[in-house]
Amino acid sequence: MSLAALATAFLLIVTLGYVLKCWLSPFGDCRKCAGMGHALTADRKGKPKRGRDCRRCHATGKRIRVGRWIYNRAARTYRAGTR
């Protein structure tokens, strides 16, 4: 098996794996708040406490994956074009 065929097979497996992940779990944890929905801050004594709500995920802790966002956009464009 040549190196090009091996690289192509690897890229195909990775791509199909990501597509499967986006199909089964379209939402992932927010990168900014690590899925908590809010930031952790410290009070005067150094004890952690709940901070402000995350602006990126609107305090849900979840964000739509990039692959799912692309699929949704393509599906919406296709539906709008076939009406």
PDB file of N, CA and C in Angstrom:
ATOM      1  N   MET A   1       0.863  -1.178   0.000  1.00  0.00           N
ATOM      2  CA  MET A   1       0.000   0.000   0.000  1.00  0.00           C
ATOM      3  C   MET A   1       0.902   1.231   0.000  1.00  0.00           C
ATOM      4  N   SER A   2       0.610   2.160  -0.883  1.00  0.00           N
ATOM      5  CA  SER A   2       1.442   3.344  -1.001  1.00  0.00           C
ATOM      6  C   SER A   2       1.132   4.342   0.117  1.00  0.00           C
ATOM      7  N   LEU A   3       2.031   5.278   0.258  1.00  0.00           N
ATOM      8  CA  LEU A   3       1.875   6.296   1.295  1.00  0.00           C
ATOM      9  C   LEU A   3       0.676   7.205   1.018  1.00  0.00           C
ATOM     10  N   ALA A   4       0.427   7.503  -0.246  1.00  0.00           N
ATOM     11  CA  ALA A   4      -0.714   8.358  -0.602  1.00  0.00           C
ATOM     12  C   ALA A   4      -2.035   7.661  -0.290  1.00  0.00           C
ATOM     13  N   ALA A   5      -2.111   6.379  -0.566  1.00  0.00           N
ATOM     14  CA  ALA A   5      -3.340   5.636  -0.275  1.00  0.00           C
ATOM     15  C   ALA A   5      -3.554   5.533   1.224  1.00  0.00           C
ATOM     16  N   LEU A   6      -2.481   5.356   1.966  1.00  0.00           N
ATOM     17  CA  LEU A   6      -2.582   5.288   3.421  1.00  0.00           C
ATOM     18  C   LEU A   6      -3.048   6.625   4.006  1.00  0.00           C
ATOM     19  N   ALA A   7      -2.492   7.723   3.494  1.00  0.00           N
ATOM     20  CA  ALA A   7      -2.896   9.049   3.960  1.00  0.00           C
ATOM     21  C   ALA A   7      -4.358   9.332   3.608  1.00  0.00           C
ATOM     22  N   THR A   8      -4.771   8.924   2.414  1.00  0.00           N
ATOM     23  CA  THR A   8      -6.161   9.123   2.004  1.00  0.00           C
ATOM     24  C   THR A   8      -7.111   8.317   2.881  1.00  0.00           C
ATOM     25  N   ALA A   9      -6.744   7.077   3.172  1.00  0.00           N
ATOM     26  CA  ALA A   9      -7.575   6.239   4.031  1.00  0.00           C
ATOM     27  C   ALA A   9      -7.674   6.832   5.429  1.00  0.00           C
ATOM     28  N   PHE A  10      -6.570   7.346   5.949  1.00  0.00           N
ATOM     29  CA  PHE A  10      -6.570   7.959   7.272  1.00  0.00           C
ATOM     30  C   PHE A  10      -7.473   9.181   7.311  1.00  0.00           C
ATOM     31  N   LEU A  11      -7.361  10.043   6.309  1.00  0.00           N
ATOM     32  CA  LEU A  11      -8.211  11.245   6.257  1.00  0.00           C
ATOM     33  C   LEU A  11      -9.684  10.885   6.110  1.00  0.00           C
ATOM     34  N   LEU A  12      -9.976   9.847   5.356  1.00  0.00           N
ATOM     35  CA  LEU A  12     -11.352   9.406   5.190  1.00  0.00           C
ATOM     36  C   LEU A  12     -11.923   8.886   6.506  1.00  0.00           C
ATOM     37  N   ILE A  13     -11.133   8.125   7.241  1.00  0.00           N
ATOM     38  CA  ILE A  13     -11.580   7.596   8.530  1.00  0.00           C
ATOM     39  C   ILE A  13     -11.808   8.722   9.529  1.00  0.00           C
ATOM     40  N   VAL A  14     -10.905   9.689   9.584  1.00  0.00           N
ATOM     41  CA  VAL A  14     -11.045  10.823  10.507  1.00  0.00           C
ATOM     42  C   VAL A  14     -12.272  11.654  10.148  1.00  0.00           C
ATOM     43  N   THR A  15     -12.476  11.907   8.865  1.00  0.00           N
ATOM     44  CA  THR A  15     -13.619  12.704   8.425  1.00  0.00           C
ATOM     45  C   THR A  15     -14.939  12.002   8.740  1.00  0.00           C
ATOM     46  N   LEU A  16     -15.019  10.715   8.430  1.00  0.00           N
ATOM     47  CA  LEU A  16     -16.245   9.973   8.725  1.00  0.00           C
ATOM     48  C   LEU A  16     -16.491   9.873  10.226  1.00  0.00           C
ATOM     49  N   GLY A  17     -15.429   9.778  11.005  1.00  0.00           N
ATOM     50  CA  GLY A  17     -15.579   9.764  12.462  1.00  0.00           C
ATOM     51  C   GLY A  17     -16.144  11.076  12.983  1.00  0.00           C
ATOM     52  N   TYR A  18     -15.664  12.191  12.431  1.00  0.00           N
ATOM     53  CA  TYR A  18     -16.183  13.494  12.857  1.00  0.00           C
ATOM     54  C   TYR A  18     -17.630  13.688  12.419  1.00  0.00           C
ATOM     55  N   VAL A  19     -17.959  13.223  11.227  1.00  0.00           N
ATOM     56  CA  VAL A  19     -19.348  13.312  10.752  1.00  0.00           C
ATOM     57  C   VAL A  19     -20.259  12.502  11.668  1.00  0.00           C
ATOM     58  N   LEU A  20     -19.826  11.317  12.051  1.00  0.00           N
ATOM     59  CA  LEU A  20     -20.611  10.489  12.960  1.00  0.00           C
ATOM     60  C   LEU A  20     -20.777  11.159  14.319  1.00  0.00           C
ATOM     61  N   LYS A  21     -19.709  11.782  14.797  1.00  0.00           N
ATOM     62  CA  LYS A  21     -19.782  12.480  16.083  1.00  0.00           C
ATOM     63  C   LYS A  21     -20.746  13.668  16.012  1.00  0.00           C
ATOM     64  N   CYS A  22     -20.714  14.419  14.917  1.00  0.00           N
ATOM     65  CA  CYS A  22     -21.629  15.550  14.758  1.00  0.00           C
ATOM     66  C   CYS A  22     -23.069  15.081  14.625  1.00  0.00           C
ATOM     67  N   TRP A  23     -23.285  13.912  14.051  1.00  0.00           N
ATOM     68  CA  TRP A  23     -24.640  13.386  13.891  1.00  0.00           C
ATOM     69  C   TRP A  23     -25.185  12.880  15.221  1.00  0.00           C
ATOM     70  N   LEU A  24     -24.350  12.171  15.995  1.00  0.00           N
ATOM     71  CA  LEU A  24     -24.807  11.605  17.255  1.00  0.00           C
ATOM     72  C   LEU A  24     -24.865  12.640  18.379  1.00  0.00           C
ATOM     73  N   SER A  25     -23.914  13.566  18.379  1.00  0.00           N
ATOM     74  CA  SER A  25     -23.846  14.565  19.434  1.00  0.00           C
ATOM     75  C   SER A  25     -23.574  15.934  18.819  1.00  0.00           C
ATOM     76  N   PRO A  26     -24.620  16.644  18.370  1.00  0.00           N
ATOM     77  CA  PRO A  26     -24.397  17.904  17.667  1.00  0.00           C
ATOM     78  C   PRO A  26     -23.891  19.031  18.565  1.00  0.00           C
ATOM     79  N   PHE A  27     -24.028  18.895  19.867  1.00  0.00           N
ATOM     80  CA  PHE A  27     -23.571  19.943  20.771  1.00  0.00           C
ATOM     81  C   PHE A  27     -22.378  19.454  21.578  1.00  0.00           C
ATOM     82  N   GLY A  28     -21.390  20.332  21.734  1.00  0.00           N
ATOM     83  CA  GLY A  28     -20.222  20.030  22.549  1.00  0.00           C
ATOM     84  C   GLY A  28     -20.109  21.054  23.660  1.00  0.00           C
ATOM     85  N   ASP A  29     -19.173  20.820  24.561  1.00  0.00           N
ATOM     86  CA  ASP A  29     -18.968  21.760  25.659  1.00  0.00           C
ATOM     87  C   ASP A  29     -18.420  23.080  25.139  1.00  0.00           C
ATOM     88  N   CYS A  30     -18.842  24.151  25.767  1.00  0.00           N
ATOM     89  CA  CYS A  30     -18.341  25.479  25.430  1.00  0.00           C
ATOM     90  C   CYS A  30     -16.858  25.546  25.774  1.00  0.00           C
ATOM     91  N   ARG A  31     -16.058  26.104  24.869  1.00  0.00           N
ATOM     92  CA  ARG A  31     -14.615  26.177  25.109  1.00  0.00           C
ATOM     93  C   ARG A  31     -14.249  27.256  26.121  1.00  0.00           C
ATOM     94  N   LYS A  32     -15.052  28.279  26.208  1.00  0.00           N
ATOM     95  CA  LYS A  32     -14.708  29.390  27.103  1.00  0.00           C
ATOM     96  C   LYS A  32     -14.948  29.046  28.568  1.00  0.00           C
ATOM     97  N   CYS A  33     -16.091  28.416  28.860  1.00  0.00           N
ATOM     98  CA  CYS A  33     -16.424  28.125  30.260  1.00  0.00           C
ATOM     99  C   CYS A  33     -16.255  26.638  30.589  1.00  0.00           C
ATOM    100  N   ALA A  34     -15.756  25.848  29.630  1.00  0.00           N
ATOM    101  CA  ALA A  34     -15.517  24.414  29.803  1.00  0.00           C
ATOM    102  C   ALA A  34     -16.798  23.664  30.164  1.00  0.00           C
ATOM    103  N   GLY A  35     -17.927  24.098  29.638  1.00  0.00           N
ATOM    104  CA  GLY A  35     -19.188  23.420  29.854  1.00  0.00           C
ATOM    105  C   GLY A  35     -19.870  23.733  31.171  1.00  0.00           C
ATOM    106  N   MET A  36     -19.349  24.676  31.928  1.00  0.00           N
ATOM    107  CA  MET A  36     -19.937  25.010  33.227  1.00  0.00           C
ATOM    108  C   MET A  36     -21.099  25.999  33.090  1.00  0.00           C
ATOM    109  N   GLY A  37     -21.068  26.845  32.074  1.00  0.00           N
ATOM    110  CA  GLY A  37     -22.114  27.843  31.905  1.00  0.00           C
ATOM    111  C   GLY A  37     -21.790  29.158  32.584  1.00  0.00           C
ATOM    112  N   HIS A  38     -20.752  29.147  33.368  1.00  0.00           N
ATOM    113  CA  HIS A  38     -20.328  30.370  34.054  1.00  0.00           C
ATOM    114  C   HIS A  38     -18.846  30.256  34.382  1.00  0.00           C
ATOM    115  N   ALA A  39     -18.242  31.376  34.672  1.00  0.00           N
ATOM    116  CA  ALA A  39     -16.833  31.392  35.033  1.00  0.00           C
ATOM    117  C   ALA A  39     -16.697  31.221  36.545  1.00  0.00           C
ATOM    118  N   LEU A  40     -15.596  30.648  36.960  1.00  0.00           N
ATOM    119  CA  LEU A  40     -15.316  30.555  38.387  1.00  0.00           C
ATOM    120  C   LEU A  40     -14.423  31.715  38.792  1.00  0.00           C
ATOM    121  N   THR A  41     -14.786  32.389  39.849  1.00  0.00           N
ATOM    122  CA  THR A  41     -13.980  33.482  40.379  1.00  0.00           C
ATOM    123  C   THR A  41     -13.671  33.169  41.836  1.00  0.00           C
ATOM    124  N   ALA A  42     -12.811  33.950  42.402  1.00  0.00           N
ATOM    125  CA  ALA A  42     -12.447  33.751  43.805  1.00  0.00           C
ATOM    126  C   ALA A  42     -12.913  34.948  44.619  1.00  0.00           C
ATOM    127  N   ASP A  43     -13.389  34.660  45.835  1.00  0.00           N
ATOM    128  CA  ASP A  43     -13.771  35.770  46.699  1.00  0.00           C
ATOM    129  C   ASP A  43     -12.523  36.291  47.402  1.00  0.00           C
ATOM    130  N   ARG A  44     -12.684  37.165  48.373  1.00  0.00           N
ATOM    131  CA  ARG A  44     -11.540  37.792  49.042  1.00  0.00           C
ATOM    132  C   ARG A  44     -10.672  36.796  49.794  1.00  0.00           C
ATOM    133  N   LYS A  45     -11.277  35.714  50.268  1.00  0.00           N
ATOM    134  CA  LYS A  45     -10.526  34.725  51.026  1.00  0.00           C
ATOM    135  C   LYS A  45      -9.918  33.642  50.131  1.00  0.00           C
ATOM    136  N   GLY A  46     -10.135  33.732  48.815  1.00  0.00           N
ATOM    137  CA  GLY A  46      -9.569  32.769  47.885  1.00  0.00           C
ATOM    138  C   GLY A  46     -10.447  31.565  47.624  1.00  0.00           C
ATOM    139  N   LYS A  47     -11.641  31.529  48.200  1.00  0.00           N
ATOM    140  CA  LYS A  47     -12.548  30.422  47.972  1.00  0.00           C
ATOM    141  C   LYS A  47     -13.210  30.599  46.608  1.00  0.00           C
ATOM    142  N   PRO A  48     -13.319  29.521  45.828  1.00  0.00           N
ATOM    143  CA  PRO A  48     -13.977  29.665  44.521  1.00  0.00           C
ATOM    144  C   PRO A  48     -15.475  29.884  44.675  1.00  0.00           C
ATOM    145  N   LYS A  49     -16.005  30.717  43.807  1.00  0.00           N
ATOM    146  CA  LYS A  49     -17.444  30.964  43.797  1.00  0.00           C
ATOM    147  C   LYS A  49     -17.896  31.123  42.358  1.00  0.00           C
ATOM    148  N   ARG A  50     -19.204  31.046  42.167  1.00  0.00           N
ATOM    149  CA  ARG A  50     -19.766  31.148  40.829  1.00  0.00           C
ATOM    150  C   ARG A  50     -19.629  32.580  40.332  1.00  0.00           C
ATOM    151  N   GLY A  51     -19.122  32.715  39.113  1.00  0.00           N
ATOM    152  CA  GLY A  51     -18.972  34.036  38.524  1.00  0.00           C
ATOM    153  C   GLY A  51     -20.137  34.378  37.618  1.00  0.00           C
ATOM    154  N   ARG A  52     -19.883  35.261  36.690  1.00  0.00           N
ATOM    155  CA  ARG A  52     -20.920  35.703  35.765  1.00  0.00           C
ATOM    156  C   ARG A  52     -21.228  34.627  34.741  1.00  0.00           C
ATOM    157  N   ASP A  53     -22.437  34.694  34.174  1.00  0.00           N
ATOM    158  CA  ASP A  53     -22.829  33.749  33.135  1.00  0.00           C
ATOM    159  C   ASP A  53     -21.949  33.928  31.903  1.00  0.00           C
ATOM    160  N   CYS A  54     -21.694  32.819  31.226  1.00  0.00           N
ATOM    161  CA  CYS A  54     -20.868  32.836  30.019  1.00  0.00           C
ATOM    162  C   CYS A  54     -21.632  33.517  28.883  1.00  0.00           C
ATOM    163  N   ARG A  55     -20.986  34.461  28.226  1.00  0.00           N
ATOM    164  CA  ARG A  55     -21.637  35.178  27.129  1.00  0.00           C
ATOM    165  C   ARG A  55     -21.620  34.362  25.844  1.00  0.00           C
ATOM    166  N   ARG A  56     -20.645  33.490  25.690  1.00  0.00           N
ATOM    167  CA  ARG A  56     -20.522  32.732  24.456  1.00  0.00           C
ATOM    168  C   ARG A  56     -21.632  31.685  24.309  1.00  0.00           C
ATOM    169  N   CYS A  57     -21.940  30.966  25.398  1.00  0.00           N
ATOM    170  CA  CYS A  57     -22.952  29.893  25.315  1.00  0.00           C
ATOM    171  C   CYS A  57     -24.265  30.285  25.983  1.00  0.00           C
ATOM    172  N   HIS A  58     -24.372  31.497  26.477  1.00  0.00           N
ATOM    173  CA  HIS A  58     -25.580  31.996  27.145  1.00  0.00           C
ATOM    174  C   HIS A  58     -25.943  31.140  28.348  1.00  0.00           C
ATOM    175  N   ALA A  59     -24.937  30.751  29.110  1.00  0.00           N
ATOM    176  CA  ALA A  59     -25.070  30.024  30.379  1.00  0.00           C
ATOM    177  C   ALA A  59     -25.639  28.618  30.232  1.00  0.00           C
ATOM    178  N   THR A  60     -25.594  28.042  29.012  1.00  0.00           N
ATOM    179  CA  THR A  60     -26.050  26.667  28.850  1.00  0.00           C
ATOM    180  C   THR A  60     -24.906  25.680  29.004  1.00  0.00           C
ATOM    181  N   GLY A  61     -23.688  26.113  28.723  1.00  0.00           N
ATOM    182  CA  GLY A  61     -22.531  25.231  28.780  1.00  0.00           C
ATOM    183  C   GLY A  61     -22.326  24.445  27.506  1.00  0.00           C
ATOM    184  N   LYS A  62     -23.204  24.596  26.531  1.00  0.00           N
ATOM    185  CA  LYS A  62     -23.123  23.833  25.276  1.00  0.00           C
ATOM    186  C   LYS A  62     -23.034  24.767  24.086  1.00  0.00           C
ATOM    187  N   ARG A  63     -22.293  24.334  23.080  1.00  0.00           N
ATOM    188  CA  ARG A  63     -22.173  25.051  21.816  1.00  0.00           C
ATOM    189  C   ARG A  63     -22.363  24.069  20.672  1.00  0.00           C
ATOM    190  N   ILE A  64     -22.886  24.522  19.545  1.00  0.00           N
ATOM    191  CA  ILE A  64     -23.054  23.646  18.397  1.00  0.00           C
ATOM    192  C   ILE A  64     -21.687  23.405  17.758  1.00  0.00           C
ATOM    193  N   ARG A  65     -21.433  22.180  17.358  1.00  0.00           N
ATOM    194  CA  ARG A  65     -20.149  21.833  16.745  1.00  0.00           C
ATOM    195  C   ARG A  65     -20.051  22.474  15.364  1.00  0.00           C
ATOM    196  N   VAL A  66     -18.825  22.725  14.920  1.00  0.00           N
ATOM    197  CA  VAL A  66     -18.594  23.384  13.635  1.00  0.00           C
ATOM    198  C   VAL A  66     -19.166  22.555  12.493  1.00  0.00           C
ATOM    199  N   GLY A  67     -18.941  21.254  12.514  1.00  0.00           N
ATOM    200  CA  GLY A  67     -19.451  20.395  11.451  1.00  0.00           C
ATOM    201  C   GLY A  67     -20.963  20.397  11.386  1.00  0.00           C
ATOM    202  N   ARG A  68     -21.608  20.400  12.531  1.00  0.00           N
ATOM    203  CA  ARG A  68     -23.073  20.431  12.557  1.00  0.00           C
ATOM    204  C   ARG A  68     -23.580  21.775  12.082  1.00  0.00           C
ATOM    205  N   TRP A  69     -22.877  22.863  12.418  1.00  0.00           N
ATOM    206  CA  TRP A  69     -23.259  24.198  11.965  1.00  0.00           C
ATOM    207  C   TRP A  69     -23.193  24.276  10.441  1.00  0.00           C
ATOM    208  N   ILE A  70     -22.134  23.700   9.859  1.00  0.00           N
ATOM    209  CA  ILE A  70     -21.990  23.693   8.399  1.00  0.00           C
ATOM    210  C   ILE A  70     -23.111  22.876   7.762  1.00  0.00           C
ATOM    211  N   TYR A  71     -23.425  21.713   8.339  1.00  0.00           N
ATOM    212  CA  TYR A  71     -24.517  20.890   7.818  1.00  0.00           C
ATOM    213  C   TYR A  71     -25.851  21.636   7.895  1.00  0.00           C
ATOM    214  N   ASN A  72     -26.133  22.261   9.026  1.00  0.00           N
ATOM    215  CA  ASN A  72     -27.393  23.000   9.174  1.00  0.00           C
ATOM    216  C   ASN A  72     -27.501  24.118   8.147  1.00  0.00           C
ATOM    217  N   ARG A  73     -26.407  24.827   7.930  1.00  0.00           N
ATOM    218  CA  ARG A  73     -26.412  25.922   6.958  1.00  0.00           C
ATOM    219  C   ARG A  73     -26.648  25.404   5.546  1.00  0.00           C
ATOM    220  N   ALA A  74     -25.995  24.292   5.182  1.00  0.00           N
ATOM    221  CA  ALA A  74     -26.172  23.717   3.849  1.00  0.00           C
ATOM    222  C   ALA A  74     -27.595  23.197   3.665  1.00  0.00           C
ATOM    223  N   ALA A  75     -28.143  22.547   4.682  1.00  0.00           N
ATOM    224  CA  ALA A  75     -29.509  22.030   4.595  1.00  0.00           C
ATOM    225  C   ALA A  75     -30.512  23.170   4.471  1.00  0.00           C
ATOM    226  N   ARG A  76     -30.304  24.241   5.209  1.00  0.00           N
ATOM    227  CA  ARG A  76     -31.199  25.395   5.132  1.00  0.00           C
ATOM    228  C   ARG A  76     -31.146  26.043   3.747  1.00  0.00           C
ATOM    229  N   THR A  77     -29.949  26.161   3.176  1.00  0.00           N
ATOM    230  CA  THR A  77     -29.786  26.732   1.837  1.00  0.00           C
ATOM    231  C   THR A  77     -30.459  25.844   0.802  1.00  0.00           C
ATOM    232  N   TYR A  78     -30.304  24.532   0.927  1.00  0.00           N
ATOM    233  CA  TYR A  78     -30.912  23.607  -0.017  1.00  0.00           C
ATOM    234  C   TYR A  78     -32.445  23.685   0.057  1.00  0.00           C
ATOM    235  N   ARG A  79     -32.983  23.711   1.280  1.00  0.00           N
ATOM    236  CA  ARG A  79     -34.433  23.806   1.428  1.00  0.00           C
ATOM    237  C   ARG A  79     -34.971  25.109   0.849  1.00  0.00           C
ATOM    238  N   ALA A  80     -34.238  26.207   1.062  1.00  0.00           N
ATOM    239  CA  ALA A  80     -34.678  27.498   0.538  1.00  0.00           C
ATOM    240  C   ALA A  80     -34.621  27.535  -0.983  1.00  0.00           C
ATOM    241  N   GLY A  81     -33.684  26.784  -1.569  1.00  0.00           N
ATOM    242  CA  GLY A  81     -33.539  26.788  -3.029  1.00  0.00           C
ATOM    243  C   GLY A  81     -34.516  25.880  -3.727  1.00  0.00           C
ATOM    244  N   THR A  82     -35.121  24.947  -3.012  1.00  0.00           N
ATOM    245  CA  THR A  82     -36.046  24.015  -3.662  1.00  0.00           C
ATOM    246  C   THR A  82     -37.504  24.359  -3.413  1.00  0.00           C
ATOM    247  N   ARG A  83     -37.778  25.488  -2.860  1.00  0.00           N
ATOM    248  CA  ARG A  83     -39.167  25.884  -2.605  1.00  0.00           C
ATOM    249  C   ARG A  83     -39.789  26.473  -3.822  1.00  0.00           C
TER     250      ARG A  83
END
